[in-house]
Amino acid sequence: MKSIKNVLLASAMVILSANAFAGTALYGNYSEYHDSSIIKTQTVDTKSAAYSLALEKSDQLKSESGTELSNEFTLLLNSSKEKSSVTLDDNAYITVQESMTAQGDIVYTGMVNVNYSYSQANQSN
């Protein structure tokens, strides 16, 4: 009787904890990968314009599908299933890079710093 209680308790814990791992990760012969990318905007004359462009790009990325994100990050994924597994993490942030042109003008480039994850089929040897 005690072992049945333990099995039921263990089963309930596994079922209830499954939601913590729910997402777009693929199951089976797949591995999940995590990576980061910095996406630069066009160069502009003011710091505020650079922040605005970066914010627009960040919002665009948040609205893209997994397939669109896989293209954005130029991931070499083979199947549509893998491509649709691409997701952004919640900790994206924006920075602005200041630089000087050859003519001596100060210009600004917005940069969207993102972390993302995706699933990819394991390669058979």
PDB file of N, CA and C in Angstrom:
ATOM      1  N   MET A   1       0.828  -1.192   0.000  1.00  0.00           N
ATOM      2  CA  MET A   1       0.000   0.000   0.000  1.00  0.00           C
ATOM      3  C   MET A   1       0.871   1.255   0.000  1.00  0.00           C
ATOM      4  N   LYS A   2       1.972   1.192   0.800  1.00  0.00           N
ATOM      5  CA  LYS A   2       2.865   2.345   0.872  1.00  0.00           C
ATOM      6  C   LYS A   2       3.542   2.604  -0.479  1.00  0.00           C
ATOM      7  N   SER A   3       3.921   1.527  -1.185  1.00  0.00           N
ATOM      8  CA  SER A   3       4.583   1.707  -2.480  1.00  0.00           C
ATOM      9  C   SER A   3       3.614   2.271  -3.517  1.00  0.00           C
ATOM     10  N   ILE A   4       2.327   1.916  -3.442  1.00  0.00           N
ATOM     11  CA  ILE A   4       1.339   2.483  -4.358  1.00  0.00           C
ATOM     12  C   ILE A   4       1.204   3.979  -4.112  1.00  0.00           C
ATOM     13  N   LYS A   5       1.208   4.388  -2.853  1.00  0.00           N
ATOM     14  CA  LYS A   5       1.138   5.817  -2.523  1.00  0.00           C
ATOM     15  C   LYS A   5       2.356   6.546  -3.084  1.00  0.00           C
ATOM     16  N   ASN A   6       3.527   5.931  -2.944  1.00  0.00           N
ATOM     17  CA  ASN A   6       4.752   6.551  -3.449  1.00  0.00           C
ATOM     18  C   ASN A   6       4.719   6.690  -4.972  1.00  0.00           C
ATOM     19  N   VAL A   7       4.216   5.655  -5.657  1.00  0.00           N
ATOM     20  CA  VAL A   7       4.123   5.711  -7.118  1.00  0.00           C
ATOM     21  C   VAL A   7       3.136   6.795  -7.535  1.00  0.00           C
ATOM     22  N   LEU A   8       1.980   6.859  -6.879  1.00  0.00           N
ATOM     23  CA  LEU A   8       0.989   7.888  -7.201  1.00  0.00           C
ATOM     24  C   LEU A   8       1.529   9.288  -6.911  1.00  0.00           C
ATOM     25  N   LEU A   9       2.222   9.441  -5.803  1.00  0.00           N
ATOM     26  CA  LEU A   9       2.802  10.735  -5.457  1.00  0.00           C
ATOM     27  C   LEU A   9       3.860  11.148  -6.481  1.00  0.00           C
ATOM     28  N   ALA A  10       4.719  10.212  -6.857  1.00  0.00           N
ATOM     29  CA  ALA A  10       5.758  10.503  -7.848  1.00  0.00           C
ATOM     30  C   ALA A  10       5.133  10.848  -9.196  1.00  0.00           C
ATOM     31  N   SER A  11       4.090  10.105  -9.585  1.00  0.00           N
ATOM     32  CA  SER A  11       3.414  10.385 -10.861  1.00  0.00           C
ATOM     33  C   SER A  11       2.778  11.769 -10.854  1.00  0.00           C
ATOM     34  N   ALA A  12       2.141  12.112  -9.750  1.00  0.00           N
ATOM     35  CA  ALA A  12       1.511  13.434  -9.647  1.00  0.00           C
ATOM     36  C   ALA A  12       2.552  14.538  -9.733  1.00  0.00           C
ATOM     37  N   MET A  13       3.693  14.339  -9.106  1.00  0.00           N
ATOM     38  CA  MET A  13       4.749  15.357  -9.140  1.00  0.00           C
ATOM     39  C   MET A  13       5.265  15.548 -10.565  1.00  0.00           C
ATOM     40  N   VAL A  14       5.439  14.445 -11.299  1.00  0.00           N
ATOM     41  CA  VAL A  14       5.928  14.542 -12.674  1.00  0.00           C
ATOM     42  C   VAL A  14       4.909  15.263 -13.543  1.00  0.00           C
ATOM     43  N   ILE A  15       3.640  14.902 -13.402  1.00  0.00           N
ATOM     44  CA  ILE A  15       2.596  15.529 -14.214  1.00  0.00           C
ATOM     45  C   ILE A  15       2.474  17.014 -13.897  1.00  0.00           C
ATOM     46  N   LEU A  16       2.506  17.372 -12.626  1.00  0.00           N
ATOM     47  CA  LEU A  16       2.368  18.772 -12.246  1.00  0.00           C
ATOM     48  C   LEU A  16       3.583  19.601 -12.625  1.00  0.00           C
ATOM     49  N   SER A  17       4.755  18.996 -12.626  1.00  0.00           N
ATOM     50  CA  SER A  17       5.962  19.757 -12.966  1.00  0.00           C
ATOM     51  C   SER A  17       6.152  19.871 -14.471  1.00  0.00           C
ATOM     52  N   ALA A  18       5.406  19.116 -15.258  1.00  0.00           N
ATOM     53  CA  ALA A  18       5.563  19.165 -16.711  1.00  0.00           C
ATOM     54  C   ALA A  18       5.278  20.551 -17.259  1.00  0.00           C
ATOM     55  N   ASN A  19       4.353  21.293 -16.662  1.00  0.00           N
ATOM     56  CA  ASN A  19       4.054  22.642 -17.139  1.00  0.00           C
ATOM     57  C   ASN A  19       5.242  23.570 -17.012  1.00  0.00           C
ATOM     58  N   ALA A  20       6.115  23.318 -16.068  1.00  0.00           N
ATOM     59  CA  ALA A  20       7.292  24.165 -15.901  1.00  0.00           C
ATOM     60  C   ALA A  20       8.222  24.050 -17.099  1.00  0.00           C
ATOM     61  N   PHE A  21       8.135  22.937 -17.821  1.00  0.00           N
ATOM     62  CA  PHE A  21       9.010  22.729 -18.968  1.00  0.00           C
ATOM     63  C   PHE A  21       8.265  22.860 -20.287  1.00  0.00           C
ATOM     64  N   ALA A  22       7.022  23.269 -20.230  1.00  0.00           N
ATOM     65  CA  ALA A  22       6.229  23.405 -21.455  1.00  0.00           C
ATOM     66  C   ALA A  22       6.763  24.560 -22.276  1.00  0.00           C
ATOM     67  N   GLY A  23       6.698  24.430 -23.548  1.00  0.00           N
ATOM     68  CA  GLY A  23       7.179  25.464 -24.448  1.00  0.00           C
ATOM     69  C   GLY A  23       7.217  24.900 -25.847  1.00  0.00           C
ATOM     70  N   THR A  24       8.102  25.410 -26.668  1.00  0.00           N
ATOM     71  CA  THR A  24       8.162  24.927 -28.030  1.00  0.00           C
ATOM     72  C   THR A  24       9.265  23.900 -28.215  1.00  0.00           C
ATOM     73  N   ALA A  25       9.903  23.477 -27.144  1.00  0.00           N
ATOM     74  CA  ALA A  25      10.953  22.470 -27.263  1.00  0.00           C
ATOM     75  C   ALA A  25      10.369  21.207 -27.876  1.00  0.00           C
ATOM     76  N   LEU A  26      11.120  20.614 -28.770  1.00  0.00           N
ATOM     77  CA  LEU A  26      10.682  19.390 -29.420  1.00  0.00           C
ATOM     78  C   LEU A  26      11.189  18.200 -28.628  1.00  0.00           C
ATOM     79  N   TYR A  27      10.396  17.177 -28.571  1.00  0.00           N
ATOM     80  CA  TYR A  27      10.772  15.984 -27.825  1.00  0.00           C
ATOM     81  C   TYR A  27      11.082  14.863 -28.793  1.00  0.00           C
ATOM     82  N   GLY A  28      11.859  13.945 -28.353  1.00  0.00           N
ATOM     83  CA  GLY A  28      12.293  12.850 -29.199  1.00  0.00           C
ATOM     84  C   GLY A  28      13.786  12.975 -29.391  1.00  0.00           C
ATOM     85  N   ASN A  29      14.237  12.828 -30.619  1.00  0.00           N
ATOM     86  CA  ASN A  29      15.660  12.856 -30.919  1.00  0.00           C
ATOM     87  C   ASN A  29      16.119  14.290 -31.239  1.00  0.00           C
ATOM     88  N   TYR A  30      15.803  15.230 -30.340  1.00  0.00           N
ATOM     89  CA  TYR A  30      16.148  16.641 -30.504  1.00  0.00           C
ATOM     90  C   TYR A  30      16.926  17.123 -29.287  1.00  0.00           C
ATOM     91  N   SER A  31      17.765  18.099 -29.512  1.00  0.00           N
ATOM     92  CA  SER A  31      18.454  18.784 -28.422  1.00  0.00           C
ATOM     93  C   SER A  31      18.054  20.241 -28.454  1.00  0.00           C
ATOM     94  N   GLU A  32      17.998  20.864 -27.279  1.00  0.00           N
ATOM     95  CA  GLU A  32      17.653  22.277 -27.208  1.00  0.00           C
ATOM     96  C   GLU A  32      18.938  23.085 -27.085  1.00  0.00           C
ATOM     97  N   TYR A  33      19.018  24.150 -27.859  1.00  0.00           N
ATOM     98  CA  TYR A  33      20.192  25.009 -27.882  1.00  0.00           C
ATOM     99  C   TYR A  33      19.803  26.425 -27.478  1.00  0.00           C
ATOM    100  N   HIS A  34      20.742  27.122 -26.869  1.00  0.00           N
ATOM    101  CA  HIS A  34      20.547  28.512 -26.452  1.00  0.00           C
ATOM    102  C   HIS A  34      21.669  29.334 -27.066  1.00  0.00           C
ATOM    103  N   ASP A  35      21.326  30.494 -27.563  1.00  0.00           N
ATOM    104  CA  ASP A  35      22.323  31.357 -28.189  1.00  0.00           C
ATOM    105  C   ASP A  35      21.911  32.810 -28.006  1.00  0.00           C
ATOM    106  N   SER A  36      22.751  33.717 -28.444  1.00  0.00           N
ATOM    107  CA  SER A  36      22.449  35.141 -28.351  1.00  0.00           C
ATOM    108  C   SER A  36      22.860  35.815 -29.652  1.00  0.00           C
ATOM    109  N   SER A  37      22.309  36.985 -29.858  1.00  0.00           N
ATOM    110  CA  SER A  37      22.597  37.737 -31.069  1.00  0.00           C
ATOM    111  C   SER A  37      22.450  39.221 -30.787  1.00  0.00           C
ATOM    112  N   ILE A  38      23.201  40.020 -31.517  1.00  0.00           N
ATOM    113  CA  ILE A  38      23.057  41.473 -31.471  1.00  0.00           C
ATOM    114  C   ILE A  38      22.646  41.923 -32.862  1.00  0.00           C
ATOM    115  N   ILE A  39      21.480  42.525 -32.938  1.00  0.00           N
ATOM    116  CA  ILE A  39      20.963  42.994 -34.216  1.00  0.00           C
ATOM    117  C   ILE A  39      21.108  44.506 -34.254  1.00  0.00           C
ATOM    118  N   LYS A  40      21.845  44.980 -35.251  1.00  0.00           N
ATOM    119  CA  LYS A  40      22.104  46.413 -35.377  1.00  0.00           C
ATOM    120  C   LYS A  40      21.084  47.066 -36.301  1.00  0.00           C
ATOM    121  N   THR A  41      20.715  48.287 -35.954  1.00  0.00           N
ATOM    122  CA  THR A  41      19.831  49.079 -36.803  1.00  0.00           C
ATOM    123  C   THR A  41      20.692  49.932 -37.726  1.00  0.00           C
ATOM    124  N   GLN A  42      20.045  50.700 -38.576  1.00  0.00           N
ATOM    125  CA  GLN A  42      20.806  51.616 -39.420  1.00  0.00           C
ATOM    126  C   GLN A  42      21.431  52.711 -38.558  1.00  0.00           C
ATOM    127  N   THR A  43      22.455  53.329 -39.071  1.00  0.00           N
ATOM    128  CA  THR A  43      23.145  54.409 -38.377  1.00  0.00           C
ATOM    129  C   THR A  43      22.361  55.706 -38.570  1.00  0.00           C
ATOM    130  N   VAL A  44      22.199  56.457 -37.465  1.00  0.00           N
ATOM    131  CA  VAL A  44      21.438  57.712 -37.504  1.00  0.00           C
ATOM    132  C   VAL A  44      22.219  58.810 -36.788  1.00  0.00           C
ATOM    133  N   ASP A  45      21.707  60.046 -36.889  1.00  0.00           N
ATOM    134  CA  ASP A  45      22.422  61.211 -36.366  1.00  0.00           C
ATOM    135  C   ASP A  45      22.210  61.481 -34.882  1.00  0.00           C
ATOM    136  N   THR A  46      21.149  60.942 -34.293  1.00  0.00           N
ATOM    137  CA  THR A  46      20.893  61.230 -32.876  1.00  0.00           C
ATOM    138  C   THR A  46      20.762  59.939 -32.071  1.00  0.00           C
ATOM    139  N   LYS A  47      21.123  60.050 -30.810  1.00  0.00           N
ATOM    140  CA  LYS A  47      21.039  58.914 -29.908  1.00  0.00           C
ATOM    141  C   LYS A  47      19.580  58.486 -29.713  1.00  0.00           C
ATOM    142  N   SER A  48      18.670  59.455 -29.589  1.00  0.00           N
ATOM    143  CA  SER A  48      17.258  59.116 -29.374  1.00  0.00           C
ATOM    144  C   SER A  48      16.671  58.394 -30.589  1.00  0.00           C
ATOM    145  N   ALA A  49      17.086  58.767 -31.789  1.00  0.00           N
ATOM    146  CA  ALA A  49      16.614  58.079 -32.991  1.00  0.00           C
ATOM    147  C   ALA A  49      17.127  56.637 -33.021  1.00  0.00           C
ATOM    148  N   ALA A  50      18.351  56.439 -32.571  1.00  0.00           N
ATOM    149  CA  ALA A  50      18.915  55.089 -32.527  1.00  0.00           C
ATOM    150  C   ALA A  50      18.147  54.222 -31.534  1.00  0.00           C
ATOM    151  N   TYR A  51      17.823  54.780 -30.364  1.00  0.00           N
ATOM    152  CA  TYR A  51      17.017  54.034 -29.393  1.00  0.00           C
ATOM    153  C   TYR A  51      15.641  53.705 -29.961  1.00  0.00           C
ATOM    154  N   SER A  52      15.037  54.646 -30.656  1.00  0.00           N
ATOM    155  CA  SER A  52      13.719  54.418 -31.239  1.00  0.00           C
ATOM    156  C   SER A  52      13.739  53.297 -32.273  1.00  0.00           C
ATOM    157  N   LEU A  53      14.746  53.312 -33.139  1.00  0.00           N
ATOM    158  CA  LEU A  53      14.863  52.258 -34.147  1.00  0.00           C
ATOM    159  C   LEU A  53      15.078  50.892 -33.494  1.00  0.00           C
ATOM    160  N   ALA A  54      15.893  50.870 -32.455  1.00  0.00           N
ATOM    161  CA  ALA A  54      16.157  49.608 -31.757  1.00  0.00           C
ATOM    162  C   ALA A  54      14.899  49.096 -31.061  1.00  0.00           C
ATOM    163  N   LEU A  55      14.128  49.995 -30.492  1.00  0.00           N
ATOM    164  CA  LEU A  55      12.881  49.594 -29.846  1.00  0.00           C
ATOM    165  C   LEU A  55      11.893  49.042 -30.871  1.00  0.00           C
ATOM    166  N   GLU A  56      11.805  49.676 -32.026  1.00  0.00           N
ATOM    167  CA  GLU A  56      10.952  49.167 -33.102  1.00  0.00           C
ATOM    168  C   GLU A  56      11.391  47.770 -33.528  1.00  0.00           C
ATOM    169  N   LYS A  57      12.694  47.574 -33.669  1.00  0.00           N
ATOM    170  CA  LYS A  57      13.215  46.270 -34.068  1.00  0.00           C
ATOM    171  C   LYS A  57      12.926  45.228 -32.995  1.00  0.00           C
ATOM    172  N   SER A  58      13.076  45.608 -31.739  1.00  0.00           N
ATOM    173  CA  SER A  58      12.780  44.695 -30.635  1.00  0.00           C
ATOM    174  C   SER A  58      11.319  44.273 -30.661  1.00  0.00           C
ATOM    175  N   ASP A  59      10.419  45.230 -30.859  1.00  0.00           N
ATOM    176  CA  ASP A  59       8.990  44.918 -30.944  1.00  0.00           C
ATOM    177  C   ASP A  59       8.692  44.018 -32.140  1.00  0.00           C
ATOM    178  N   GLN A  60       9.369  44.266 -33.249  1.00  0.00           N
ATOM    179  CA  GLN A  60       9.188  43.432 -34.437  1.00  0.00           C
ATOM    180  C   GLN A  60       9.609  41.995 -34.136  1.00  0.00           C
ATOM    181  N   LEU A  61      10.761  41.820 -33.500  1.00  0.00           N
ATOM    182  CA  LEU A  61      11.244  40.479 -33.177  1.00  0.00           C
ATOM    183  C   LEU A  61      10.269  39.737 -32.273  1.00  0.00           C
ATOM    184  N   LYS A  62       9.702  40.453 -31.304  1.00  0.00           N
ATOM    185  CA  LYS A  62       8.762  39.828 -30.368  1.00  0.00           C
ATOM    186  C   LYS A  62       7.513  39.321 -31.073  1.00  0.00           C
ATOM    187  N   SER A  63       7.150  39.941 -32.192  1.00  0.00           N
ATOM    188  CA  SER A  63       5.932  39.548 -32.900  1.00  0.00           C
ATOM    189  C   SER A  63       6.190  38.504 -33.983  1.00  0.00           C
ATOM    190  N   GLU A  64       7.445  38.166 -34.250  1.00  0.00           N
ATOM    191  CA  GLU A  64       7.759  37.229 -35.328  1.00  0.00           C
ATOM    192  C   GLU A  64       7.534  35.785 -34.910  1.00  0.00           C
ATOM    193  N   SER A  65       7.224  34.962 -35.893  1.00  0.00           N
ATOM    194  CA  SER A  65       7.074  33.523 -35.662  1.00  0.00           C
ATOM    195  C   SER A  65       8.451  32.878 -35.520  1.00  0.00           C
ATOM    196  N   GLY A  66       8.458  31.630 -35.113  1.00  0.00           N
ATOM    197  CA  GLY A  66       9.717  30.898 -34.996  1.00  0.00           C
ATOM    198  C   GLY A  66      10.458  30.813 -36.316  1.00  0.00           C
ATOM    199  N   THR A  67       9.718  30.600 -37.394  1.00  0.00           N
ATOM    200  CA  THR A  67      10.336  30.512 -38.713  1.00  0.00           C
ATOM    201  C   THR A  67      10.968  31.843 -39.109  1.00  0.00           C
ATOM    202  N   GLU A  68      10.264  32.940 -38.840  1.00  0.00           N
ATOM    203  CA  GLU A  68      10.822  34.267 -39.145  1.00  0.00           C
ATOM    204  C   GLU A  68      12.064  34.535 -38.303  1.00  0.00           C
ATOM    205  N   LEU A  69      12.028  34.127 -37.028  1.00  0.00           N
ATOM    206  CA  LEU A  69      13.199  34.306 -36.170  1.00  0.00           C
ATOM    207  C   LEU A  69      14.376  33.461 -36.658  1.00  0.00           C
ATOM    208  N   SER A  70      14.107  32.249 -37.125  1.00  0.00           N
ATOM    209  CA  SER A  70      15.206  31.410 -37.626  1.00  0.00           C
ATOM    210  C   SER A  70      15.866  32.063 -38.834  1.00  0.00           C
ATOM    211  N   ASN A  71      15.079  32.736 -39.658  1.00  0.00           N
ATOM    212  CA  ASN A  71      15.652  33.476 -40.793  1.00  0.00           C
ATOM    213  C   ASN A  71      16.419  34.697 -40.309  1.00  0.00           C
ATOM    214  N   GLU A  72      15.869  35.399 -39.325  1.00  0.00           N
ATOM    215  CA  GLU A  72      16.507  36.605 -38.780  1.00  0.00           C
ATOM    216  C   GLU A  72      17.900  36.280 -38.217  1.00  0.00           C
ATOM    217  N   PHE A  73      18.002  35.146 -37.526  1.00  0.00           N
ATOM    218  CA  PHE A  73      19.265  34.754 -36.898  1.00  0.00           C
ATOM    219  C   PHE A  73      20.096  33.852 -37.805  1.00  0.00           C
ATOM    220  N   THR A  74      19.655  33.651 -39.038  1.00  0.00           N
ATOM    221  CA  THR A  74      20.298  32.792 -40.037  1.00  0.00           C
ATOM    222  C   THR A  74      20.710  31.436 -39.445  1.00  0.00           C
ATOM    223  N   LEU A  75      19.740  30.788 -38.806  1.00  0.00           N
ATOM    224  CA  LEU A  75      19.987  29.463 -38.241  1.00  0.00           C
ATOM    225  C   LEU A  75      19.872  28.416 -39.341  1.00  0.00           C
ATOM    226  N   LEU A  76      20.771  27.482 -39.346  1.00  0.00           N
ATOM    227  CA  LEU A  76      20.757  26.419 -40.344  1.00  0.00           C
ATOM    228  C   LEU A  76      19.945  25.243 -39.805  1.00  0.00           C
ATOM    229  N   LEU A  77      18.635  25.413 -39.830  1.00  0.00           N
ATOM    230  CA  LEU A  77      17.729  24.381 -39.352  1.00  0.00           C
ATOM    231  C   LEU A  77      17.103  23.701 -40.560  1.00  0.00           C
ATOM    232  N   ASN A  78      16.959  22.380 -40.482  1.00  0.00           N
ATOM    233  CA  ASN A  78      16.547  21.605 -41.654  1.00  0.00           C
ATOM    234  C   ASN A  78      15.048  21.507 -41.861  1.00  0.00           C
ATOM    235  N   SER A  79      14.284  21.427 -40.807  1.00  0.00           N
ATOM    236  CA  SER A  79      12.852  21.189 -40.982  1.00  0.00           C
ATOM    237  C   SER A  79      12.027  22.369 -40.498  1.00  0.00           C
ATOM    238  N   SER A  80      10.800  22.426 -40.968  1.00  0.00           N
ATOM    239  CA  SER A  80       9.896  23.483 -40.510  1.00  0.00           C
ATOM    240  C   SER A  80       9.594  23.306 -39.028  1.00  0.00           C
ATOM    241  N   LYS A  81       9.632  22.074 -38.561  1.00  0.00           N
ATOM    242  CA  LYS A  81       9.421  21.791 -37.138  1.00  0.00           C
ATOM    243  C   LYS A  81      10.526  22.446 -36.299  1.00  0.00           C
ATOM    244  N   GLU A  82      11.762  22.312 -36.753  1.00  0.00           N
ATOM    245  CA  GLU A  82      12.888  22.937 -36.053  1.00  0.00           C
ATOM    246  C   GLU A  82      12.789  24.461 -36.129  1.00  0.00           C
ATOM    247  N   LYS A  83      12.485  24.986 -37.297  1.00  0.00           N
ATOM    248  CA  LYS A  83      12.397  26.437 -37.475  1.00  0.00           C
ATOM    249  C   LYS A  83      11.315  27.045 -36.592  1.00  0.00           C
ATOM    250  N   SER A  84      10.192  26.355 -36.474  1.00  0.00           N
ATOM    251  CA  SER A  84       9.107  26.902 -35.658  1.00  0.00           C
ATOM    252  C   SER A  84       9.396  26.808 -34.165  1.00  0.00           C
ATOM    253  N   SER A  85      10.451  26.097 -33.772  1.00  0.00           N
ATOM    254  CA  SER A  85      10.794  25.967 -32.356  1.00  0.00           C
ATOM    255  C   SER A  85      11.581  27.162 -31.811  1.00  0.00           C
ATOM    256  N   VAL A  86      12.000  28.083 -32.681  1.00  0.00           N
ATOM    257  CA  VAL A  86      12.813  29.219 -32.243  1.00  0.00           C
ATOM    258  C   VAL A  86      11.966  30.181 -31.419  1.00  0.00           C
ATOM    259  N   THR A  87      12.443  30.494 -30.226  1.00  0.00           N
ATOM    260  CA  THR A  87      11.742  31.438 -29.350  1.00  0.00           C
ATOM    261  C   THR A  87      12.734  32.414 -28.736  1.00  0.00           C
ATOM    262  N   LEU A  88      12.263  33.629 -28.473  1.00  0.00           N
ATOM    263  CA  LEU A  88      13.075  34.636 -27.787  1.00  0.00           C
ATOM    264  C   LEU A  88      12.936  34.467 -26.285  1.00  0.00           C
ATOM    265  N   ASP A  89      14.015  34.689 -25.566  1.00  0.00           N
ATOM    266  CA  ASP A  89      13.949  34.745 -24.111  1.00  0.00           C
ATOM    267  C   ASP A  89      13.449  36.138 -23.720  1.00  0.00           C
ATOM    268  N   ASP A  90      13.035  36.284 -22.481  1.00  0.00           N
ATOM    269  CA  ASP A  90      12.428  37.542 -22.027  1.00  0.00           C
ATOM    270  C   ASP A  90      13.435  38.638 -21.675  1.00  0.00           C
ATOM    271  N   ASN A  91      14.713  38.358 -21.719  1.00  0.00           N
ATOM    272  CA  ASN A  91      15.691  39.316 -21.212  1.00  0.00           C
ATOM    273  C   ASN A  91      16.386  40.133 -22.300  1.00  0.00           C
ATOM    274  N   ALA A  92      15.687  40.478 -23.361  1.00  0.00           N
ATOM    275  CA  ALA A  92      16.269  41.319 -24.408  1.00  0.00           C
ATOM    276  C   ALA A  92      16.477  42.733 -23.878  1.00  0.00           C
ATOM    277  N   TYR A  93      17.500  43.396 -24.385  1.00  0.00           N
ATOM    278  CA  TYR A  93      17.740  44.789 -24.006  1.00  0.00           C
ATOM    279  C   TYR A  93      18.351  45.549 -25.171  1.00  0.00           C
ATOM    280  N   ILE A  94      18.275  46.867 -25.072  1.00  0.00           N
ATOM    281  CA  ILE A  94      18.714  47.753 -26.148  1.00  0.00           C
ATOM    282  C   ILE A  94      19.911  48.569 -25.682  1.00  0.00           C
ATOM    283  N   THR A  95      20.867  48.708 -26.573  1.00  0.00           N
ATOM    284  CA  THR A  95      22.005  49.596 -26.328  1.00  0.00           C
ATOM    285  C   THR A  95      22.203  50.458 -27.578  1.00  0.00           C
ATOM    286  N   VAL A  96      22.990  51.498 -27.430  1.00  0.00           N
ATOM    287  CA  VAL A  96      23.318  52.364 -28.562  1.00  0.00           C
ATOM    288  C   VAL A  96      24.833  52.506 -28.627  1.00  0.00           C
ATOM    289  N   GLN A  97      25.362  52.334 -29.837  1.00  0.00           N
ATOM    290  CA  GLN A  97      26.795  52.465 -30.066  1.00  0.00           C
ATOM    291  C   GLN A  97      27.061  53.813 -30.728  1.00  0.00           C
ATOM    292  N   GLU A  98      27.968  54.569 -30.143  1.00  0.00           N
ATOM    293  CA  GLU A  98      28.361  55.859 -30.703  1.00  0.00           C
ATOM    294  C   GLU A  98      29.657  55.664 -31.473  1.00  0.00           C
ATOM    295  N   SER A  99      29.730  56.254 -32.667  1.00  0.00           N
ATOM    296  CA  SER A  99      30.958  56.164 -33.451  1.00  0.00           C
ATOM    297  C   SER A  99      31.147  57.445 -34.260  1.00  0.00           C
ATOM    298  N   MET A 100      32.326  57.552 -34.849  1.00  0.00           N
ATOM    299  CA  MET A 100      32.647  58.740 -35.635  1.00  0.00           C
ATOM    300  C   MET A 100      32.935  58.325 -37.072  1.00  0.00           C
ATOM    301  N   THR A 101      32.356  59.059 -38.000  1.00  0.00           N
ATOM    302  CA  THR A 101      32.602  58.783 -39.418  1.00  0.00           C
ATOM    303  C   THR A 101      33.978  59.310 -39.809  1.00  0.00           C
ATOM    304  N   ALA A 102      34.409  58.967 -41.011  1.00  0.00           N
ATOM    305  CA  ALA A 102      35.696  59.450 -41.519  1.00  0.00           C
ATOM    306  C   ALA A 102      35.703  60.976 -41.658  1.00  0.00           C
ATOM    307  N   GLN A 103      34.519  61.574 -41.777  1.00  0.00           N
ATOM    308  CA  GLN A 103      34.414  63.026 -41.892  1.00  0.00           C
ATOM    309  C   GLN A 103      34.361  63.711 -40.528  1.00  0.00           C
ATOM    310  N   GLY A 104      34.385  62.949 -39.458  1.00  0.00           N
ATOM    311  CA  GLY A 104      34.379  63.519 -38.113  1.00  0.00           C
ATOM    312  C   GLY A 104      32.997  63.703 -37.501  1.00  0.00           C
ATOM    313  N   ASP A 105      31.964  63.192 -38.140  1.00  0.00           N
ATOM    314  CA  ASP A 105      30.601  63.305 -37.608  1.00  0.00           C
ATOM    315  C   ASP A 105      30.333  62.169 -36.616  1.00  0.00           C
ATOM    316  N   ILE A 106      29.654  62.499 -35.513  1.00  0.00           N
ATOM    317  CA  ILE A 106      29.242  61.499 -34.539  1.00  0.00           C
ATOM    318  C   ILE A 106      27.922  60.896 -35.010  1.00  0.00           C
ATOM    319  N   VAL A 107      27.853  59.556 -35.060  1.00  0.00           N
ATOM    320  CA  VAL A 107      26.642  58.847 -35.469  1.00  0.00           C
ATOM    321  C   VAL A 107      26.338  57.758 -34.438  1.00  0.00           C
ATOM    322  N   TYR A 108      25.106  57.266 -34.472  1.00  0.00           N
ATOM    323  CA  TYR A 108      24.646  56.302 -33.472  1.00  0.00           C
ATOM    324  C   TYR A 108      23.982  55.106 -34.149  1.00  0.00           C
ATOM    325  N   THR A 109      24.237  53.945 -33.605  1.00  0.00           N
ATOM    326  CA  THR A 109      23.637  52.711 -34.101  1.00  0.00           C
ATOM    327  C   THR A 109      22.911  52.032 -32.948  1.00  0.00           C
ATOM    328  N   GLY A 110      21.621  51.763 -33.131  1.00  0.00           N
ATOM    329  CA  GLY A 110      20.863  51.031 -32.126  1.00  0.00           C
ATOM    330  C   GLY A 110      21.182  49.551 -32.220  1.00  0.00           C
ATOM    331  N   MET A 111      21.229  48.889 -31.075  1.00  0.00           N
ATOM    332  CA  MET A 111      21.530  47.460 -31.052  1.00  0.00           C
ATOM    333  C   MET A 111      20.554  46.750 -30.128  1.00  0.00           C
ATOM    334  N   VAL A 112      19.941  45.702 -30.655  1.00  0.00           N
ATOM    335  CA  VAL A 112      19.017  44.883 -29.881  1.00  0.00           C
ATOM    336  C   VAL A 112      19.767  43.611 -29.490  1.00  0.00           C
ATOM    337  N   ASN A 113      19.936  43.414 -28.200  1.00  0.00           N
ATOM    338  CA  ASN A 113      20.645  42.259 -27.666  1.00  0.00           C
ATOM    339  C   ASN A 113      19.609  41.228 -27.220  1.00  0.00           C
ATOM    340  N   VAL A 114      19.611  40.060 -27.870  1.00  0.00           N
ATOM    341  CA  VAL A 114      18.599  39.043 -27.556  1.00  0.00           C
ATOM    342  C   VAL A 114      19.241  37.691 -27.287  1.00  0.00           C
ATOM    343  N   ASN A 115      18.571  36.925 -26.464  1.00  0.00           N
ATOM    344  CA  ASN A 115      18.898  35.518 -26.250  1.00  0.00           C
ATOM    345  C   ASN A 115      17.728  34.730 -26.801  1.00  0.00           C
ATOM    346  N   TYR A 116      18.018  33.593 -27.398  1.00  0.00           N
ATOM    347  CA  TYR A 116      16.965  32.776 -27.968  1.00  0.00           C
ATOM    348  C   TYR A 116      17.303  31.300 -27.808  1.00  0.00           C
ATOM    349  N   SER A 117      16.297  30.475 -28.001  1.00  0.00           N
ATOM    350  CA  SER A 117      16.506  29.033 -27.931  1.00  0.00           C
ATOM    351  C   SER A 117      15.782  28.368 -29.089  1.00  0.00           C
ATOM    352  N   TYR A 118      16.230  27.166 -29.415  1.00  0.00           N
ATOM    353  CA  TYR A 118      15.617  26.396 -30.495  1.00  0.00           C
ATOM    354  C   TYR A 118      15.976  24.925 -30.313  1.00  0.00           C
ATOM    355  N   SER A 119      15.213  24.080 -30.960  1.00  0.00           N
ATOM    356  CA  SER A 119      15.470  22.640 -30.934  1.00  0.00           C
ATOM    357  C   SER A 119      15.985  22.214 -32.290  1.00  0.00           C
ATOM    358  N   GLN A 120      16.933  21.271 -32.258  1.00  0.00           N
ATOM    359  CA  GLN A 120      17.493  20.767 -33.505  1.00  0.00           C
ATOM    360  C   GLN A 120      17.658  19.255 -33.383  1.00  0.00           C
ATOM    361  N   ALA A 121      17.352  18.550 -34.467  1.00  0.00           N
ATOM    362  CA  ALA A 121      17.464  17.096 -34.476  1.00  0.00           C
ATOM    363  C   ALA A 121      18.903  16.684 -34.227  1.00  0.00           C
ATOM    364  N   ASN A 122      19.073  15.658 -33.430  1.00  0.00           N
ATOM    365  CA  ASN A 122      20.410  15.103 -33.202  1.00  0.00           C
ATOM    366  C   ASN A 122      20.878  14.402 -34.457  1.00  0.00           C
ATOM    367  N   GLN A 123      22.145  14.570 -34.785  1.00  0.00           N
ATOM    368  CA  GLN A 123      22.706  13.970 -35.977  1.00  0.00           C
ATOM    369  C   GLN A 123      23.067  12.509 -35.712  1.00  0.00           C
ATOM    370  N   SER A 124      22.712  11.649 -36.628  1.00  0.00           N
ATOM    371  CA  SER A 124      23.075  10.230 -36.524  1.00  0.00           C
ATOM    372  C   SER A 124      24.440  10.006 -37.128  1.00  0.00           C
ATOM    373  N   ASN A 125      25.196   9.170 -36.499  1.00  0.00           N
ATOM    374  CA  ASN A 125      26.545   8.865 -37.031  1.00  0.00           C
ATOM    375  C   ASN A 125      26.513   7.597 -37.827  1.00  0.00           C
TER     376      ASN A 125
END
